[in-house]
Amino acid sequence: MAISPIALGAVRRIDQLFEIEREIHGLSPEERLRVRQERSAPLLSDLEAWLRAECARLSRSSNVIKPINYLLNRRDGFVRFAHDGRICMTNNAAERALRGFALGRKSWLFAGSDRGADRAAVMATLIMTARLNNIDPKAWLADVLARIANMPQSRLHELLPWNWTPPTSAPCTQTA
């Protein structure tokens, strides 16, 4: 099967964006945004113009018209990373994080009820959020379960993974 020159051109253009992302990996969101505005945004504009021009030249039966239209119809979502330094260009990290849940999806069929499934989804979300915040989910959950009954409702937000601080051990005092 021959490779379409248009598809190859699109991949090369998108690879330039990935190269920029590799260069700015690990920088602050503000710095990533600056570089993306300076370097990625013009490439994205050029890519869109090129795709629209190629699309106008192609017949509706062309093999590449469908993927081109797919990207153009979702352009806003595709270019969002260029306007926010916190956003990744791809969703690979999120997909990797969810892989463990996908493996157990048949088990989720036996949640017992819709309410049980909702609770399982909330717990899975909180546990994954703890992981994404570099928190040991077991330590977080054990601490939350130990503290939640005595915590006023107005302070429950302190137990959410992004606000949680591990308990500190009380200093050991020796008596003579």
C-alpha atoms as a PDB file:
ATOM      1  CA  MET A   1       0.000   0.000   0.000  1.00  0.00           C
ATOM      2  CA  ALA A   2       1.435   3.350  -1.022  1.00  0.00           C
ATOM      3  CA  ILE A   3       1.811   6.126   1.530  1.00  0.00           C
ATOM      4  CA  SER A   4      -0.084   9.268   0.659  1.00  0.00           C
ATOM      5  CA  PRO A   5       2.203  12.274   0.172  1.00  0.00           C
ATOM      6  CA  ILE A   6      -0.404  14.410   1.953  1.00  0.00           C
ATOM      7  CA  ALA A   7      -0.496  12.073   4.961  1.00  0.00           C
ATOM      8  CA  LEU A   8       3.310  12.016   5.058  1.00  0.00           C
ATOM      9  CA  GLY A   9       3.393  15.816   4.887  1.00  0.00           C
ATOM     10  CA  ALA A  10       0.906  16.084   7.754  1.00  0.00           C
ATOM     11  CA  VAL A  11       2.918  13.658   9.890  1.00  0.00           C
ATOM     12  CA  ARG A  12       6.102  15.642   9.262  1.00  0.00           C
ATOM     13  CA  ARG A  13       4.401  18.885  10.254  1.00  0.00           C
ATOM     14  CA  ILE A  14       2.935  17.340  13.410  1.00  0.00           C
ATOM     15  CA  ASP A  15       6.326  15.848  14.252  1.00  0.00           C
ATOM     16  CA  GLN A  16       7.738  19.395  14.353  1.00  0.00           C
ATOM     17  CA  LEU A  17       5.206  20.119  17.116  1.00  0.00           C
ATOM     18  CA  PHE A  18       6.279  16.998  19.009  1.00  0.00           C
ATOM     19  CA  GLU A  19       9.915  18.084  18.712  1.00  0.00           C
ATOM     20  CA  ILE A  20       9.068  21.397  20.375  1.00  0.00           C
ATOM     21  CA  GLU A  21       7.204  19.515  23.123  1.00  0.00           C
ATOM     22  CA  ARG A  22      10.248  17.312  23.739  1.00  0.00           C
ATOM     23  CA  GLU A  23      12.410  20.435  24.084  1.00  0.00           C
ATOM     24  CA  ILE A  24      10.112  22.120  26.622  1.00  0.00           C
ATOM     25  CA  HIS A  25       9.288  19.026  28.666  1.00  0.00           C
ATOM     26  CA  GLY A  26       9.812  19.769  32.358  1.00  0.00           C
ATOM     27  CA  LEU A  27       9.644  23.559  32.036  1.00  0.00           C
ATOM     28  CA  SER A  28       7.118  25.588  34.013  1.00  0.00           C
ATOM     29  CA  PRO A  29       3.653  26.023  32.485  1.00  0.00           C
ATOM     30  CA  GLU A  30       4.388  29.707  31.930  1.00  0.00           C
ATOM     31  CA  GLU A  31       7.583  28.950  30.019  1.00  0.00           C
ATOM     32  CA  ARG A  32       5.902  26.191  27.974  1.00  0.00           C
ATOM     33  CA  LEU A  33       3.127  28.623  27.054  1.00  0.00           C
ATOM     34  CA  ARG A  34       5.634  31.250  25.964  1.00  0.00           C
ATOM     35  CA  VAL A  35       7.485  28.786  23.719  1.00  0.00           C
ATOM     36  CA  ARG A  36       4.259  27.360  22.332  1.00  0.00           C
ATOM     37  CA  GLN A  37       2.952  30.824  21.476  1.00  0.00           C
ATOM     38  CA  GLU A  38       6.247  31.708  19.853  1.00  0.00           C
ATOM     39  CA  ARG A  39       6.980  28.465  17.980  1.00  0.00           C
ATOM     40  CA  SER A  40       4.009  26.072  17.974  1.00  0.00           C
ATOM     41  CA  ALA A  41       1.170  28.507  17.247  1.00  0.00           C
ATOM     42  CA  PRO A  42       2.609  29.534  13.843  1.00  0.00           C
ATOM     43  CA  LEU A  43       3.130  25.859  12.929  1.00  0.00           C
ATOM     44  CA  LEU A  44      -0.472  25.095  13.886  1.00  0.00           C
ATOM     45  CA  SER A  45      -1.743  27.972  11.730  1.00  0.00           C
ATOM     46  CA  ASP A  46       0.384  26.797   8.812  1.00  0.00           C
ATOM     47  CA  LEU A  47      -0.840  23.212   9.269  1.00  0.00           C
ATOM     48  CA  GLU A  48      -4.472  24.304   9.217  1.00  0.00           C
ATOM     49  CA  ALA A  49      -4.000  26.464   6.103  1.00  0.00           C
ATOM     50  CA  TRP A  50      -2.110  23.659   4.336  1.00  0.00           C
ATOM     51  CA  LEU A  51      -4.764  21.062   5.247  1.00  0.00           C
ATOM     52  CA  ARG A  52      -7.574  23.315   4.041  1.00  0.00           C
ATOM     53  CA  ALA A  53      -5.742  23.944   0.750  1.00  0.00           C
ATOM     54  CA  GLU A  54      -5.096  20.215   0.264  1.00  0.00           C
ATOM     55  CA  CYS A  55      -8.690  19.419   1.170  1.00  0.00           C
ATOM     56  CA  ALA A  56      -9.959  21.815  -1.515  1.00  0.00           C
ATOM     57  CA  ARG A  57      -7.839  20.023  -4.163  1.00  0.00           C
ATOM     58  CA  LEU A  58      -8.928  16.481  -3.227  1.00  0.00           C
ATOM     59  CA  SER A  59     -11.929  14.544  -4.446  1.00  0.00           C
ATOM     60  CA  ARG A  60     -14.496  13.454  -1.872  1.00  0.00           C
ATOM     61  CA  SER A  61     -13.486   9.828  -2.460  1.00  0.00           C
ATOM     62  CA  SER A  62      -9.843  10.396  -1.525  1.00  0.00           C
ATOM     63  CA  ASN A  63      -8.483   8.186   1.269  1.00  0.00           C
ATOM     64  CA  VAL A  64      -7.080  11.158   3.187  1.00  0.00           C
ATOM     65  CA  ILE A  65     -10.106  13.456   3.076  1.00  0.00           C
ATOM     66  CA  LYS A  66     -11.749  11.758   6.068  1.00  0.00           C
ATOM     67  CA  PRO A  67      -8.725  12.108   8.418  1.00  0.00           C
ATOM     68  CA  ILE A  68      -8.185  15.702   7.276  1.00  0.00           C
ATOM     69  CA  ASN A  69     -11.810  16.585   8.021  1.00  0.00           C
ATOM     70  CA  TYR A  70     -11.579  14.777  11.349  1.00  0.00           C
ATOM     71  CA  LEU A  71      -8.675  16.995  12.414  1.00  0.00           C
ATOM     72  CA  LEU A  72     -10.172  20.198  11.005  1.00  0.00           C
ATOM     73  CA  ASN A  73     -13.522  19.550  12.723  1.00  0.00           C
ATOM     74  CA  ARG A  74     -11.698  19.075  16.043  1.00  0.00           C
ATOM     75  CA  ARG A  75      -9.189  21.852  15.526  1.00  0.00           C
ATOM     76  CA  ASP A  76     -10.142  23.762  18.699  1.00  0.00           C
ATOM     77  CA  GLY A  77      -9.394  20.737  20.872  1.00  0.00           C
ATOM     78  CA  PHE A  78      -6.193  19.964  18.977  1.00  0.00           C
ATOM     79  CA  VAL A  79      -4.709  23.458  19.334  1.00  0.00           C
ATOM     80  CA  ARG A  80      -5.816  24.044  22.936  1.00  0.00           C
ATOM     81  CA  PHE A  81      -2.369  23.040  24.265  1.00  0.00           C
ATOM     82  CA  ALA A  82      -0.874  26.072  22.476  1.00  0.00           C
ATOM     83  CA  HIS A  83      -2.997  28.399  24.634  1.00  0.00           C
ATOM     84  CA  ASP A  84      -2.414  26.786  28.035  1.00  0.00           C
ATOM     85  CA  GLY A  85       1.010  25.756  29.315  1.00  0.00           C
ATOM     86  CA  ARG A  86      -0.520  23.233  31.712  1.00  0.00           C
ATOM     87  CA  ILE A  87      -2.044  21.097  28.978  1.00  0.00           C
ATOM     88  CA  CYS A  88      -0.161  18.268  27.292  1.00  0.00           C
ATOM     89  CA  MET A  89      -0.246  18.018  23.529  1.00  0.00           C
ATOM     90  CA  THR A  90      -1.447  14.418  23.787  1.00  0.00           C
ATOM     91  CA  ASN A  91      -3.549  12.481  26.249  1.00  0.00           C
ATOM     92  CA  ASN A  92      -1.006   9.640  26.490  1.00  0.00           C
ATOM     93  CA  ALA A  93      -0.401  10.137  30.221  1.00  0.00           C
ATOM     94  CA  ALA A  94      -4.112   9.983  30.972  1.00  0.00           C
ATOM     95  CA  GLU A  95      -4.533   6.866  28.845  1.00  0.00           C
ATOM     96  CA  ARG A  96      -1.609   5.148  30.577  1.00  0.00           C
ATOM     97  CA  ALA A  97      -3.066   6.063  33.959  1.00  0.00           C
ATOM     98  CA  LEU A  98      -6.401   4.519  33.016  1.00  0.00           C
ATOM     99  CA  ARG A  99      -4.931   1.319  31.579  1.00  0.00           C
ATOM    100  CA  GLY A 100      -5.159  -0.468  34.936  1.00  0.00           C
ATOM    101  CA  PHE A 101      -8.863   0.300  35.155  1.00  0.00           C
ATOM    102  CA  ALA A 102      -9.464  -0.853  31.602  1.00  0.00           C
ATOM    103  CA  LEU A 103      -7.913  -4.204  32.491  1.00  0.00           C
ATOM    104  CA  GLY A 104     -10.444  -4.677  35.270  1.00  0.00           C
ATOM    105  CA  ARG A 105     -13.469  -3.427  33.373  1.00  0.00           C
ATOM    106  CA  LYS A 106     -15.276  -6.788  33.474  1.00  0.00           C
ATOM    107  CA  SER A 107     -15.095  -6.622  37.259  1.00  0.00           C
ATOM    108  CA  TRP A 108     -16.870  -3.264  37.165  1.00  0.00           C
ATOM    109  CA  LEU A 109     -19.934  -5.032  35.746  1.00  0.00           C
ATOM    110  CA  PHE A 110     -20.517  -6.501  39.193  1.00  0.00           C
ATOM    111  CA  ALA A 111     -20.674  -3.290  41.226  1.00  0.00           C
ATOM    112  CA  GLY A 112     -24.030  -4.470  42.571  1.00  0.00           C
ATOM    113  CA  SER A 113     -26.098  -1.438  41.605  1.00  0.00           C
ATOM    114  CA  ASP A 114     -25.901   1.903  39.864  1.00  0.00           C
ATOM    115  CA  ARG A 115     -25.163   3.514  43.214  1.00  0.00           C
ATOM    116  CA  GLY A 116     -22.323   1.019  43.846  1.00  0.00           C
ATOM    117  CA  ALA A 117     -20.914   1.756  40.399  1.00  0.00           C
ATOM    118  CA  ASP A 118     -21.071   5.490  41.102  1.00  0.00           C
ATOM    119  CA  ARG A 119     -19.192   5.006  44.388  1.00  0.00           C
ATOM    120  CA  ALA A 120     -16.573   2.845  42.669  1.00  0.00           C
ATOM    121  CA  ALA A 121     -16.098   5.536  40.011  1.00  0.00           C
ATOM    122  CA  VAL A 122     -15.666   8.249  42.658  1.00  0.00           C
ATOM    123  CA  MET A 123     -13.112   6.161  44.561  1.00  0.00           C
ATOM    124  CA  ALA A 124     -11.213   5.314  41.383  1.00  0.00           C
ATOM    125  CA  THR A 125     -11.123   9.006  40.474  1.00  0.00           C
ATOM    126  CA  LEU A 126      -9.830  10.013  43.903  1.00  0.00           C
ATOM    127  CA  ILE A 127      -7.180   7.273  43.913  1.00  0.00           C
ATOM    128  CA  MET A 128      -5.972   8.222  40.434  1.00  0.00           C
ATOM    129  CA  THR A 129      -5.956  11.888  41.465  1.00  0.00           C
ATOM    130  CA  ALA A 130      -3.754  11.005  44.435  1.00  0.00           C
ATOM    131  CA  ARG A 131      -1.341   9.220  42.083  1.00  0.00           C
ATOM    132  CA  LEU A 132      -1.278  12.185  39.702  1.00  0.00           C
ATOM    133  CA  ASN A 133      -0.382  14.395  42.691  1.00  0.00           C
ATOM    134  CA  ASN A 134       2.535  12.061  43.571  1.00  0.00           C
ATOM    135  CA  ILE A 135       0.782  10.806  46.698  1.00  0.00           C
ATOM    136  CA  ASP A 136       0.782   7.190  47.804  1.00  0.00           C
ATOM    137  CA  PRO A 137      -2.925   6.332  47.435  1.00  0.00           C
ATOM    138  CA  LYS A 138      -2.841   3.796  50.286  1.00  0.00           C
ATOM    139  CA  ALA A 139      -1.300   6.278  52.726  1.00  0.00           C
ATOM    140  CA  TRP A 140      -3.718   8.999  51.624  1.00  0.00           C
ATOM    141  CA  LEU A 141      -6.777   6.770  51.907  1.00  0.00           C
ATOM    142  CA  ALA A 142      -5.739   5.370  55.303  1.00  0.00           C
ATOM    143  CA  ASP A 143      -5.232   8.892  56.661  1.00  0.00           C
ATOM    144  CA  VAL A 144      -8.492  10.180  55.195  1.00  0.00           C
ATOM    145  CA  LEU A 145     -10.473   7.282  56.671  1.00  0.00           C
ATOM    146  CA  ALA A 146      -8.849   7.847  60.065  1.00  0.00           C
ATOM    147  CA  ARG A 147      -9.519  11.608  60.087  1.00  0.00           C
ATOM    148  CA  ILE A 148     -12.780  12.123  58.199  1.00  0.00           C
ATOM    149  CA  ALA A 149     -15.173  11.290  61.068  1.00  0.00           C
ATOM    150  CA  ASN A 150     -13.684  14.010  63.322  1.00  0.00           C
ATOM    151  CA  MET A 151     -13.265  16.662  60.635  1.00  0.00           C
ATOM    152  CA  PRO A 152     -15.833  19.472  60.365  1.00  0.00           C
ATOM    153  CA  GLN A 153     -17.631  19.511  57.026  1.00  0.00           C
ATOM    154  CA  SER A 154     -16.260  22.976  56.302  1.00  0.00           C
ATOM    155  CA  ARG A 155     -12.713  21.529  56.279  1.00  0.00           C
ATOM    156  CA  LEU A 156     -13.307  18.329  54.241  1.00  0.00           C
ATOM    157  CA  HIS A 157     -11.649  19.978  51.231  1.00  0.00           C
ATOM    158  CA  GLU A 158      -8.349  19.648  53.125  1.00  0.00           C
ATOM    159  CA  LEU A 159      -8.523  15.881  52.637  1.00  0.00           C
ATOM    160  CA  LEU A 160      -8.750  16.026  48.843  1.00  0.00           C
ATOM    161  CA  PRO A 161      -5.569  14.728  47.203  1.00  0.00           C
ATOM    162  CA  TRP A 162      -4.427  18.112  45.873  1.00  0.00           C
ATOM    163  CA  ASN A 163      -4.812  19.726  49.334  1.00  0.00           C
ATOM    164  CA  TRP A 164      -3.778  16.804  51.540  1.00  0.00           C
ATOM    165  CA  THR A 165      -0.681  16.920  53.685  1.00  0.00           C
ATOM    166  CA  PRO A 166       0.524  13.736  55.359  1.00  0.00           C
ATOM    167  CA  PRO A 167       0.157  13.678  59.137  1.00  0.00           C
ATOM    168  CA  THR A 168       3.299  14.537  61.015  1.00  0.00           C
ATOM    169  CA  SER A 169       4.421  12.277  63.790  1.00  0.00           C
ATOM    170  CA  ALA A 170       4.262  13.839  67.216  1.00  0.00           C
ATOM    171  CA  PRO A 171       7.724  14.398  68.649  1.00  0.00           C
ATOM    172  CA  CYS A 172       8.782  11.785  71.111  1.00  0.00           C
ATOM    173  CA  THR A 173       9.032  13.168  74.625  1.00  0.00           C
ATOM    174  CA  GLN A 174      10.935  11.281  77.222  1.00  0.00           C
ATOM    175  CA  THR A 175      10.116  11.500  80.865  1.00  0.00           C
ATOM    176  CA  ALA A 176      12.621  10.667  83.555  1.00  0.00           C
END
